[in-house]
Amino acid sequence: MLDENLVEIDSKMKLSFDVFLKDLKGMRTGRASTGLVENLQVDYFGSEMPLNQLAQINVGDARLIVIQAWDKNAVDSISKAIQNSDLNLSPNVDGDLIRLNLPPLTEERRRDLVKIIKNRGEECKLSIRSSRRDSQDFIRKVEKDGSASQDDCQRSQKKLQEITDSYVKKIDEEVKNKESEVMQV
């Protein structure tokens, strides 16, 4: 019962961490990345679809993203979705190709992005700590009910803390890596 709880909490923490990584991947840095636009939601014939399901996305060079729509009818929808996003990019449409030129980031914008990255890291840590708190409550309840021995509950608490610490460490590493990537000129 305690082991099942730890497995469940580990999967919840992993899910939180994966969402955080996906969020970081979509943040703009100094160079072009397909992760910037691949999950952008596009209104395609009345339904919202991620851009990577409507087009092929490539990086042309360090400051250029090239999007080739599979359906020529989707080009306008893709272009409109990019314009309406918070990316502040203007798409250049050329037939069924869309080019996104990424201007260099200003120093002020880089600092703002670093603050946002750190905030997202803290949000993820809060989510992980919340999962830990739920698991701790479960372990205390099991111990109080007498369903498991005190030693087993203490071992489970220790293992829970180790899992939590490992995810917090991973988050800190990802924040540090993304911060250095953003600050790189």
N, C-alpha and C. Protein backbone atom coordinates (compact mmCIF):
# COMPACT_ATOMS: atom_id res chain seq x y z
N MET A 1 0.82 -1.19 0.00
CA MET A 1 0.00 0.00 0.00
C MET A 1 0.87 1.26 0.00
N LEU A 2 1.89 1.28 0.83
CA LEU A 2 2.79 2.44 0.87
C LEU A 2 3.62 2.54 -0.41
N ASP A 3 4.06 1.38 -0.91
CA ASP A 3 4.83 1.39 -2.15
C ASP A 3 3.99 1.86 -3.33
N GLU A 4 2.73 1.46 -3.36
CA GLU A 4 1.83 1.90 -4.43
C GLU A 4 1.65 3.41 -4.37
N ASN A 5 1.55 3.93 -3.16
CA ASN A 5 1.41 5.37 -2.97
C ASN A 5 2.64 6.10 -3.52
N LEU A 6 3.83 5.56 -3.24
CA LEU A 6 5.06 6.20 -3.73
C LEU A 6 5.14 6.16 -5.25
N VAL A 7 4.73 5.05 -5.85
CA VAL A 7 4.74 4.93 -7.31
C VAL A 7 3.77 5.95 -7.91
N GLU A 8 2.60 6.07 -7.31
CA GLU A 8 1.60 7.01 -7.81
C GLU A 8 2.09 8.45 -7.70
N ILE A 9 2.69 8.80 -6.57
CA ILE A 9 3.20 10.16 -6.37
C ILE A 9 4.35 10.44 -7.31
N ASP A 10 5.21 9.44 -7.53
CA ASP A 10 6.32 9.63 -8.46
C ASP A 10 5.78 9.92 -9.86
N SER A 11 4.74 9.24 -10.27
CA SER A 11 4.18 9.48 -11.60
C SER A 11 3.53 10.87 -11.67
N LYS A 12 2.90 11.32 -10.58
CA LYS A 12 2.32 12.66 -10.55
C LYS A 12 3.41 13.73 -10.66
N MET A 13 4.50 13.51 -9.93
CA MET A 13 5.61 14.46 -9.96
C MET A 13 6.26 14.47 -11.35
N LYS A 14 6.38 13.30 -11.95
CA LYS A 14 6.96 13.22 -13.29
C LYS A 14 6.08 13.96 -14.29
N LEU A 15 4.78 13.84 -14.15
CA LEU A 15 3.86 14.54 -15.03
C LEU A 15 4.02 16.06 -14.88
N SER A 16 4.12 16.53 -13.64
CA SER A 16 4.34 17.96 -13.41
C SER A 16 5.64 18.42 -14.05
N PHE A 17 6.69 17.61 -13.89
CA PHE A 17 7.99 17.94 -14.46
C PHE A 17 7.93 17.95 -15.99
N ASP A 18 7.22 17.00 -16.59
CA ASP A 18 7.09 16.94 -18.05
C ASP A 18 6.35 18.16 -18.59
N VAL A 19 5.31 18.59 -17.87
CA VAL A 19 4.57 19.79 -18.28
C VAL A 19 5.50 21.01 -18.21
N PHE A 20 6.31 21.07 -17.17
CA PHE A 20 7.28 22.16 -17.02
C PHE A 20 8.28 22.16 -18.18
N LEU A 21 8.79 20.99 -18.55
CA LEU A 21 9.73 20.90 -19.67
C LEU A 21 9.08 21.34 -20.98
N LYS A 22 7.85 20.93 -21.18
CA LYS A 22 7.13 21.31 -22.39
C LYS A 22 6.94 22.83 -22.43
N ASP A 23 6.66 23.40 -21.27
CA ASP A 23 6.48 24.84 -21.16
C ASP A 23 7.80 25.56 -21.47
N LEU A 24 8.90 25.06 -20.94
CA LEU A 24 10.21 25.66 -21.20
C LEU A 24 10.58 25.56 -22.68
N LYS A 25 10.24 24.44 -23.27
CA LYS A 25 10.57 24.21 -24.67
C LYS A 25 9.91 25.26 -25.56
N GLY A 26 8.73 25.70 -25.18
CA GLY A 26 8.00 26.69 -25.97
C GLY A 26 8.40 28.12 -25.70
N MET A 27 9.34 28.34 -24.80
CA MET A 27 9.79 29.71 -24.51
C MET A 27 10.87 30.13 -25.48
N ARG A 28 10.80 31.36 -25.87
CA ARG A 28 11.74 31.89 -26.86
C ARG A 28 13.10 32.15 -26.24
N THR A 29 14.12 31.74 -26.96
CA THR A 29 15.49 32.03 -26.55
C THR A 29 16.14 32.82 -27.68
N GLY A 30 17.43 32.93 -27.67
CA GLY A 30 18.13 33.69 -28.69
C GLY A 30 18.16 33.04 -30.06
N ARG A 31 17.82 31.77 -30.15
CA ARG A 31 17.88 31.09 -31.44
C ARG A 31 16.56 30.39 -31.76
N ALA A 32 16.40 30.07 -33.02
CA ALA A 32 15.17 29.44 -33.50
C ALA A 32 15.06 28.01 -32.98
N SER A 33 13.85 27.62 -32.66
CA SER A 33 13.57 26.26 -32.20
C SER A 33 12.16 25.88 -32.64
N THR A 34 12.00 24.64 -33.09
CA THR A 34 10.67 24.20 -33.51
C THR A 34 9.72 24.14 -32.33
N GLY A 35 10.27 23.94 -31.12
CA GLY A 35 9.44 23.87 -29.92
C GLY A 35 8.70 25.16 -29.64
N LEU A 36 9.17 26.24 -30.24
CA LEU A 36 8.55 27.55 -30.05
C LEU A 36 7.12 27.58 -30.59
N VAL A 37 6.88 26.88 -31.70
CA VAL A 37 5.58 26.96 -32.36
C VAL A 37 4.85 25.63 -32.53
N GLU A 38 5.52 24.51 -32.26
CA GLU A 38 4.92 23.22 -32.64
C GLU A 38 3.61 22.91 -31.92
N ASN A 39 3.41 23.42 -30.72
CA ASN A 39 2.16 23.15 -30.00
C ASN A 39 1.19 24.33 -30.03
N LEU A 40 1.48 25.30 -30.89
CA LEU A 40 0.60 26.45 -31.07
C LEU A 40 -0.75 25.95 -31.60
N GLN A 41 -1.83 26.34 -30.98
CA GLN A 41 -3.16 25.89 -31.39
C GLN A 41 -3.66 26.70 -32.58
N VAL A 42 -4.06 25.98 -33.63
CA VAL A 42 -4.53 26.60 -34.86
C VAL A 42 -5.99 26.20 -35.08
N ASP A 43 -6.83 27.20 -35.40
CA ASP A 43 -8.23 26.92 -35.70
C ASP A 43 -8.30 26.43 -37.14
N TYR A 44 -8.52 25.12 -37.28
CA TYR A 44 -8.53 24.50 -38.60
C TYR A 44 -9.90 23.91 -38.86
N PHE A 45 -10.67 24.56 -39.68
CA PHE A 45 -12.03 24.15 -40.00
C PHE A 45 -12.87 23.92 -38.75
N GLY A 46 -12.80 24.86 -37.82
CA GLY A 46 -13.65 24.82 -36.63
C GLY A 46 -13.12 24.03 -35.46
N SER A 47 -11.98 23.37 -35.58
CA SER A 47 -11.42 22.64 -34.44
C SER A 47 -9.99 23.11 -34.18
N GLU A 48 -9.63 23.14 -32.92
CA GLU A 48 -8.29 23.56 -32.52
C GLU A 48 -7.33 22.38 -32.66
N MET A 49 -6.25 22.61 -33.41
CA MET A 49 -5.25 21.56 -33.61
C MET A 49 -3.86 22.14 -33.37
N PRO A 50 -2.93 21.34 -32.84
CA PRO A 50 -1.56 21.82 -32.71
C PRO A 50 -0.93 21.99 -34.08
N LEU A 51 -0.08 22.98 -34.21
CA LEU A 51 0.55 23.28 -35.49
C LEU A 51 1.32 22.10 -36.06
N ASN A 52 1.95 21.30 -35.20
CA ASN A 52 2.75 20.18 -35.71
C ASN A 52 1.90 19.10 -36.36
N GLN A 53 0.58 19.16 -36.22
CA GLN A 53 -0.30 18.21 -36.91
C GLN A 53 -0.80 18.76 -38.25
N LEU A 54 -0.50 20.04 -38.51
CA LEU A 54 -0.97 20.67 -39.75
C LEU A 54 0.16 21.00 -40.72
N ALA A 55 1.39 20.96 -40.22
CA ALA A 55 2.49 21.41 -41.06
C ALA A 55 3.81 20.79 -40.61
N GLN A 56 4.77 20.85 -41.52
CA GLN A 56 6.13 20.44 -41.20
C GLN A 56 6.87 21.69 -40.73
N ILE A 57 7.57 21.57 -39.60
CA ILE A 57 8.26 22.71 -39.01
C ILE A 57 9.76 22.42 -39.02
N ASN A 58 10.53 23.34 -39.60
CA ASN A 58 11.98 23.19 -39.67
C ASN A 58 12.66 24.48 -39.23
N VAL A 59 13.90 24.34 -38.81
CA VAL A 59 14.71 25.51 -38.48
C VAL A 59 15.61 25.78 -39.68
N GLY A 60 15.44 26.96 -40.29
CA GLY A 60 16.24 27.31 -41.45
C GLY A 60 17.67 27.66 -41.07
N ASP A 61 17.82 28.56 -40.14
CA ASP A 61 19.12 28.90 -39.57
C ASP A 61 18.89 29.35 -38.13
N ALA A 62 19.84 30.01 -37.54
CA ALA A 62 19.74 30.36 -36.12
C ALA A 62 18.58 31.29 -35.81
N ARG A 63 18.09 32.03 -36.81
CA ARG A 63 17.02 32.99 -36.55
C ARG A 63 15.81 32.81 -37.48
N LEU A 64 15.64 31.63 -38.05
CA LEU A 64 14.56 31.43 -39.01
C LEU A 64 13.86 30.09 -38.77
N ILE A 65 12.54 30.14 -38.68
CA ILE A 65 11.72 28.94 -38.60
C ILE A 65 10.90 28.87 -39.88
N VAL A 66 10.92 27.73 -40.54
CA VAL A 66 10.18 27.54 -41.79
C VAL A 66 9.06 26.54 -41.54
N ILE A 67 7.85 26.96 -41.87
CA ILE A 67 6.67 26.11 -41.67
C ILE A 67 6.07 25.83 -43.04
N GLN A 68 5.93 24.55 -43.36
CA GLN A 68 5.32 24.16 -44.63
C GLN A 68 4.03 23.41 -44.35
N ALA A 69 2.91 24.06 -44.67
CA ALA A 69 1.60 23.47 -44.42
C ALA A 69 1.36 22.31 -45.38
N TRP A 70 0.74 21.26 -44.85
CA TRP A 70 0.41 20.12 -45.69
C TRP A 70 -0.82 20.39 -46.54
N ASP A 71 -1.67 21.28 -46.05
CA ASP A 71 -2.87 21.67 -46.78
C ASP A 71 -2.77 23.18 -47.04
N LYS A 72 -2.83 23.58 -48.30
CA LYS A 72 -2.70 25.00 -48.64
C LYS A 72 -3.80 25.84 -48.01
N ASN A 73 -4.95 25.22 -47.72
CA ASN A 73 -6.05 25.94 -47.09
C ASN A 73 -5.74 26.31 -45.64
N ALA A 74 -4.77 25.67 -45.05
CA ALA A 74 -4.44 25.91 -43.64
C ALA A 74 -3.46 27.05 -43.45
N VAL A 75 -2.85 27.53 -44.53
CA VAL A 75 -1.80 28.56 -44.42
C VAL A 75 -2.33 29.82 -43.72
N ASP A 76 -3.52 30.28 -44.13
CA ASP A 76 -4.07 31.49 -43.52
C ASP A 76 -4.37 31.28 -42.04
N SER A 77 -4.90 30.12 -41.69
CA SER A 77 -5.21 29.83 -40.29
C SER A 77 -3.93 29.78 -39.46
N ILE A 78 -2.89 29.17 -40.01
CA ILE A 78 -1.61 29.09 -39.30
C ILE A 78 -1.03 30.48 -39.10
N SER A 79 -1.06 31.28 -40.15
CA SER A 79 -0.54 32.64 -40.09
C SER A 79 -1.29 33.46 -39.04
N LYS A 80 -2.60 33.32 -39.01
CA LYS A 80 -3.42 34.05 -38.05
C LYS A 80 -3.12 33.60 -36.61
N ALA A 81 -2.93 32.30 -36.42
CA ALA A 81 -2.63 31.78 -35.08
C ALA A 81 -1.29 32.31 -34.59
N ILE A 82 -0.31 32.41 -35.48
CA ILE A 82 1.01 32.94 -35.10
C ILE A 82 0.89 34.41 -34.73
N GLN A 83 0.14 35.17 -35.51
CA GLN A 83 -0.03 36.60 -35.23
C GLN A 83 -0.75 36.83 -33.91
N ASN A 84 -1.72 35.97 -33.59
CA ASN A 84 -2.50 36.14 -32.37
C ASN A 84 -1.82 35.58 -31.13
N SER A 85 -0.71 34.86 -31.32
CA SER A 85 -0.01 34.27 -30.18
C SER A 85 0.79 35.35 -29.46
N ASP A 86 1.36 34.98 -28.31
CA ASP A 86 2.16 35.93 -27.53
C ASP A 86 3.63 35.91 -27.94
N LEU A 87 3.92 35.35 -29.13
CA LEU A 87 5.30 35.26 -29.60
C LEU A 87 5.82 36.58 -30.18
N ASN A 88 4.93 37.48 -30.53
CA ASN A 88 5.29 38.76 -31.14
C ASN A 88 6.11 38.57 -32.42
N LEU A 89 5.65 37.66 -33.27
CA LEU A 89 6.32 37.39 -34.54
C LEU A 89 5.36 37.67 -35.70
N SER A 90 5.94 38.15 -36.79
CA SER A 90 5.15 38.40 -38.00
C SER A 90 5.50 37.34 -39.04
N PRO A 91 4.52 36.51 -39.41
CA PRO A 91 4.81 35.47 -40.40
C PRO A 91 4.90 36.04 -41.81
N ASN A 92 5.87 35.56 -42.58
CA ASN A 92 6.00 35.92 -43.99
C ASN A 92 5.47 34.74 -44.80
N VAL A 93 4.33 34.94 -45.46
CA VAL A 93 3.70 33.87 -46.22
C VAL A 93 4.17 33.91 -47.67
N ASP A 94 4.61 32.74 -48.15
CA ASP A 94 5.08 32.60 -49.53
C ASP A 94 4.50 31.30 -50.08
N GLY A 95 3.30 31.39 -50.67
CA GLY A 95 2.64 30.18 -51.17
C GLY A 95 2.20 29.31 -50.00
N ASP A 96 2.73 28.08 -49.91
CA ASP A 96 2.39 27.21 -48.79
C ASP A 96 3.50 27.20 -47.73
N LEU A 97 4.48 28.10 -47.87
CA LEU A 97 5.55 28.24 -46.88
C LEU A 97 5.31 29.47 -46.00
N ILE A 98 5.60 29.31 -44.74
CA ILE A 98 5.53 30.43 -43.80
C ILE A 98 6.91 30.54 -43.16
N ARG A 99 7.48 31.73 -43.24
CA ARG A 99 8.80 31.96 -42.64
C ARG A 99 8.64 32.88 -41.44
N LEU A 100 9.28 32.50 -40.35
CA LEU A 100 9.27 33.33 -39.15
C LEU A 100 10.70 33.77 -38.86
N ASN A 101 10.96 35.06 -39.03
CA ASN A 101 12.27 35.61 -38.70
C ASN A 101 12.25 36.04 -37.23
N LEU A 102 13.19 35.52 -36.48
CA LEU A 102 13.26 35.85 -35.06
C LEU A 102 14.27 36.97 -34.85
N PRO A 103 13.80 38.15 -34.48
CA PRO A 103 14.75 39.23 -34.22
C PRO A 103 15.53 38.94 -32.94
N PRO A 104 16.73 39.48 -32.83
CA PRO A 104 17.50 39.24 -31.60
C PRO A 104 16.79 39.84 -30.39
N LEU A 105 16.93 39.18 -29.26
CA LEU A 105 16.30 39.66 -28.03
C LEU A 105 17.12 40.79 -27.43
N THR A 106 16.42 41.77 -26.87
CA THR A 106 17.11 42.85 -26.17
C THR A 106 17.52 42.36 -24.79
N GLU A 107 18.44 43.06 -24.19
CA GLU A 107 18.92 42.68 -22.85
C GLU A 107 17.76 42.70 -21.84
N GLU A 108 16.91 43.70 -21.95
CA GLU A 108 15.77 43.81 -21.04
C GLU A 108 14.81 42.62 -21.20
N ARG A 109 14.55 42.23 -22.45
CA ARG A 109 13.66 41.10 -22.71
C ARG A 109 14.27 39.80 -22.19
N ARG A 110 15.59 39.67 -22.32
CA ARG A 110 16.26 38.48 -21.79
C ARG A 110 16.07 38.37 -20.28
N ARG A 111 16.23 39.49 -19.61
CA ARG A 111 16.06 39.50 -18.15
C ARG A 111 14.62 39.15 -17.76
N ASP A 112 13.66 39.68 -18.53
CA ASP A 112 12.25 39.35 -18.28
C ASP A 112 11.99 37.86 -18.47
N LEU A 113 12.57 37.29 -19.53
CA LEU A 113 12.40 35.86 -19.79
C LEU A 113 13.00 35.02 -18.66
N VAL A 114 14.14 35.44 -18.14
CA VAL A 114 14.77 34.71 -17.03
C VAL A 114 13.84 34.73 -15.81
N LYS A 115 13.21 35.88 -15.55
CA LYS A 115 12.27 35.97 -14.42
C LYS A 115 11.09 35.01 -14.63
N ILE A 116 10.59 34.98 -15.86
CA ILE A 116 9.46 34.10 -16.18
C ILE A 116 9.88 32.64 -16.00
N ILE A 117 11.06 32.29 -16.46
CA ILE A 117 11.56 30.92 -16.33
C ILE A 117 11.66 30.53 -14.86
N LYS A 118 12.21 31.41 -14.04
CA LYS A 118 12.34 31.13 -12.61
C LYS A 118 10.97 30.99 -11.95
N ASN A 119 10.01 31.82 -12.36
CA ASN A 119 8.65 31.71 -11.81
C ASN A 119 8.01 30.39 -12.18
N ARG A 120 8.19 29.96 -13.43
CA ARG A 120 7.62 28.68 -13.86
C ARG A 120 8.27 27.53 -13.10
N GLY A 121 9.57 27.65 -12.83
CA GLY A 121 10.26 26.63 -12.04
C GLY A 121 9.69 26.56 -10.64
N GLU A 122 9.43 27.71 -10.03
CA GLU A 122 8.85 27.74 -8.68
C GLU A 122 7.44 27.16 -8.68
N GLU A 123 6.67 27.45 -9.74
CA GLU A 123 5.32 26.88 -9.84
C GLU A 123 5.38 25.36 -9.90
N CYS A 124 6.33 24.83 -10.65
CA CYS A 124 6.48 23.38 -10.75
C CYS A 124 6.89 22.79 -9.41
N LYS A 125 7.79 23.47 -8.71
CA LYS A 125 8.21 23.01 -7.38
C LYS A 125 7.03 23.00 -6.42
N LEU A 126 6.16 24.02 -6.52
CA LEU A 126 4.97 24.05 -5.67
C LEU A 126 4.07 22.86 -5.95
N SER A 127 3.91 22.53 -7.22
CA SER A 127 3.09 21.38 -7.60
C SER A 127 3.68 20.09 -7.03
N ILE A 128 4.99 19.96 -7.10
CA ILE A 128 5.65 18.76 -6.58
C ILE A 128 5.52 18.70 -5.06
N ARG A 129 5.68 19.82 -4.40
CA ARG A 129 5.54 19.85 -2.94
C ARG A 129 4.11 19.56 -2.50
N SER A 130 3.16 19.99 -3.31
CA SER A 130 1.76 19.69 -3.02
C SER A 130 1.51 18.18 -3.12
N SER A 131 2.09 17.56 -4.13
CA SER A 131 1.97 16.10 -4.26
C SER A 131 2.61 15.41 -3.07
N ARG A 132 3.76 15.92 -2.63
CA ARG A 132 4.44 15.35 -1.46
C ARG A 132 3.57 15.46 -0.22
N ARG A 133 2.94 16.63 -0.05
CA ARG A 133 2.08 16.85 1.11
C ARG A 133 0.90 15.86 1.11
N ASP A 134 0.31 15.64 -0.06
CA ASP A 134 -0.79 14.68 -0.15
C ASP A 134 -0.33 13.28 0.23
N SER A 135 0.85 12.92 -0.24
CA SER A 135 1.39 11.60 0.07
C SER A 135 1.72 11.47 1.55
N GLN A 136 2.28 12.53 2.13
CA GLN A 136 2.59 12.51 3.56
C GLN A 136 1.32 12.33 4.38
N ASP A 137 0.25 13.01 3.98
CA ASP A 137 -1.03 12.86 4.68
C ASP A 137 -1.52 11.42 4.60
N PHE A 138 -1.37 10.80 3.44
CA PHE A 138 -1.77 9.41 3.27
C PHE A 138 -0.95 8.50 4.18
N ILE A 139 0.37 8.73 4.21
CA ILE A 139 1.25 7.89 5.04
C ILE A 139 0.89 8.05 6.52
N ARG A 140 0.63 9.26 6.95
CA ARG A 140 0.23 9.49 8.36
C ARG A 140 -1.09 8.79 8.68
N LYS A 141 -2.01 8.83 7.72
CA LYS A 141 -3.31 8.17 7.93
C LYS A 141 -3.12 6.66 8.06
N VAL A 142 -2.28 6.09 7.20
CA VAL A 142 -2.00 4.65 7.25
C VAL A 142 -1.37 4.28 8.59
N GLU A 143 -0.45 5.12 9.05
CA GLU A 143 0.22 4.86 10.33
C GLU A 143 -0.78 4.96 11.48
N LYS A 144 -1.66 5.95 11.43
CA LYS A 144 -2.65 6.16 12.49
C LYS A 144 -3.66 5.01 12.53
N ASP A 145 -4.03 4.51 11.34
CA ASP A 145 -4.98 3.39 11.27
C ASP A 145 -4.35 2.08 11.72
N GLY A 146 -3.04 2.04 11.74
CA GLY A 146 -2.34 0.81 12.12
C GLY A 146 -2.22 -0.18 10.98
N SER A 147 -2.43 0.29 9.74
CA SER A 147 -2.34 -0.58 8.57
C SER A 147 -0.90 -0.92 8.22
N ALA A 148 0.04 -0.12 8.72
CA ALA A 148 1.46 -0.37 8.48
C ALA A 148 2.23 0.01 9.74
N SER A 149 3.40 -0.58 9.88
CA SER A 149 4.20 -0.29 11.08
C SER A 149 4.80 1.11 11.00
N GLN A 150 5.21 1.59 12.15
CA GLN A 150 5.81 2.92 12.22
C GLN A 150 7.12 2.96 11.43
N ASP A 151 7.89 1.89 11.48
CA ASP A 151 9.14 1.83 10.73
C ASP A 151 8.90 1.89 9.22
N ASP A 152 7.89 1.15 8.75
CA ASP A 152 7.55 1.18 7.32
C ASP A 152 7.12 2.58 6.89
N CYS A 153 6.36 3.23 7.73
CA CYS A 153 5.89 4.58 7.42
C CYS A 153 7.07 5.57 7.39
N GLN A 154 7.99 5.41 8.30
CA GLN A 154 9.16 6.30 8.31
C GLN A 154 10.03 6.06 7.07
N ARG A 155 10.20 4.79 6.69
CA ARG A 155 10.95 4.50 5.47
C ARG A 155 10.26 5.10 4.25
N SER A 156 8.96 5.01 4.24
CA SER A 156 8.18 5.55 3.13
C SER A 156 8.31 7.08 3.09
N GLN A 157 8.28 7.71 4.25
CA GLN A 157 8.46 9.18 4.33
C GLN A 157 9.84 9.57 3.78
N LYS A 158 10.86 8.80 4.18
CA LYS A 158 12.22 9.10 3.73
C LYS A 158 12.33 8.94 2.21
N LYS A 159 11.76 7.86 1.69
CA LYS A 159 11.79 7.61 0.24
C LYS A 159 11.03 8.73 -0.50
N LEU A 160 9.92 9.16 0.06
CA LEU A 160 9.13 10.24 -0.52
C LEU A 160 9.96 11.52 -0.61
N GLN A 161 10.70 11.82 0.44
CA GLN A 161 11.54 13.02 0.44
C GLN A 161 12.65 12.91 -0.59
N GLU A 162 13.21 11.72 -0.76
CA GLU A 162 14.25 11.51 -1.77
C GLU A 162 13.70 11.74 -3.18
N ILE A 163 12.50 11.25 -3.44
CA ILE A 163 11.86 11.45 -4.74
C ILE A 163 11.63 12.94 -4.98
N THR A 164 11.11 13.61 -3.97
CA THR A 164 10.83 15.05 -4.07
C THR A 164 12.12 15.82 -4.35
N ASP A 165 13.16 15.51 -3.59
CA ASP A 165 14.44 16.20 -3.76
C ASP A 165 15.01 16.00 -5.16
N SER A 166 14.84 14.79 -5.71
CA SER A 166 15.38 14.53 -7.05
C SER A 166 14.66 15.38 -8.10
N TYR A 167 13.34 15.53 -7.97
CA TYR A 167 12.61 16.35 -8.94
C TYR A 167 12.93 17.83 -8.77
N VAL A 168 13.08 18.29 -7.54
CA VAL A 168 13.44 19.69 -7.31
C VAL A 168 14.82 19.97 -7.91
N LYS A 169 15.73 19.03 -7.77
CA LYS A 169 17.08 19.19 -8.34
C LYS A 169 17.00 19.25 -9.87
N LYS A 170 16.18 18.39 -10.47
CA LYS A 170 16.02 18.40 -11.93
C LYS A 170 15.44 19.74 -12.40
N ILE A 171 14.48 20.26 -11.67
CA ILE A 171 13.88 21.55 -12.03
C ILE A 171 14.93 22.65 -11.97
N ASP A 172 15.72 22.67 -10.89
CA ASP A 172 16.77 23.68 -10.75
C ASP A 172 17.77 23.60 -11.91
N GLU A 173 18.13 22.39 -12.31
CA GLU A 173 19.07 22.22 -13.43
C GLU A 173 18.47 22.74 -14.73
N GLU A 174 17.21 22.42 -14.98
CA GLU A 174 16.56 22.88 -16.22
C GLU A 174 16.43 24.40 -16.24
N VAL A 175 16.09 24.99 -15.10
CA VAL A 175 15.98 26.45 -15.01
C VAL A 175 17.35 27.08 -15.29
N LYS A 176 18.38 26.52 -14.71
CA LYS A 176 19.74 27.05 -14.91
C LYS A 176 20.15 26.93 -16.38
N ASN A 177 19.89 25.78 -17.00
CA ASN A 177 20.23 25.57 -18.41
C ASN A 177 19.49 26.55 -19.32
N LYS A 178 18.18 26.70 -19.08
CA LYS A 178 17.38 27.59 -19.91
C LYS A 178 17.81 29.04 -19.70
N GLU A 179 18.15 29.38 -18.46
CA GLU A 179 18.60 30.74 -18.16
C GLU A 179 19.88 31.07 -18.94
N SER A 180 20.83 30.14 -18.93
CA SER A 180 22.07 30.39 -19.67
C SER A 180 21.83 30.46 -21.17
N GLU A 181 20.87 29.66 -21.66
CA GLU A 181 20.52 29.68 -23.08
C GLU A 181 19.91 31.01 -23.46
N VAL A 182 19.04 31.55 -22.60
CA VAL A 182 18.40 32.83 -22.88
C VAL A 182 19.39 33.98 -22.81
N MET A 183 20.29 33.95 -21.86
CA MET A 183 21.24 35.05 -21.68
C MET A 183 22.38 35.03 -22.68
N GLN A 184 22.53 33.92 -23.41
CA GLN A 184 23.57 33.81 -24.42
C GLN A 184 23.27 34.73 -25.60
N VAL A 185 24.23 35.54 -25.98
CA VAL A 185 24.00 36.50 -27.07
C VAL A 185 24.41 35.87 -28.40
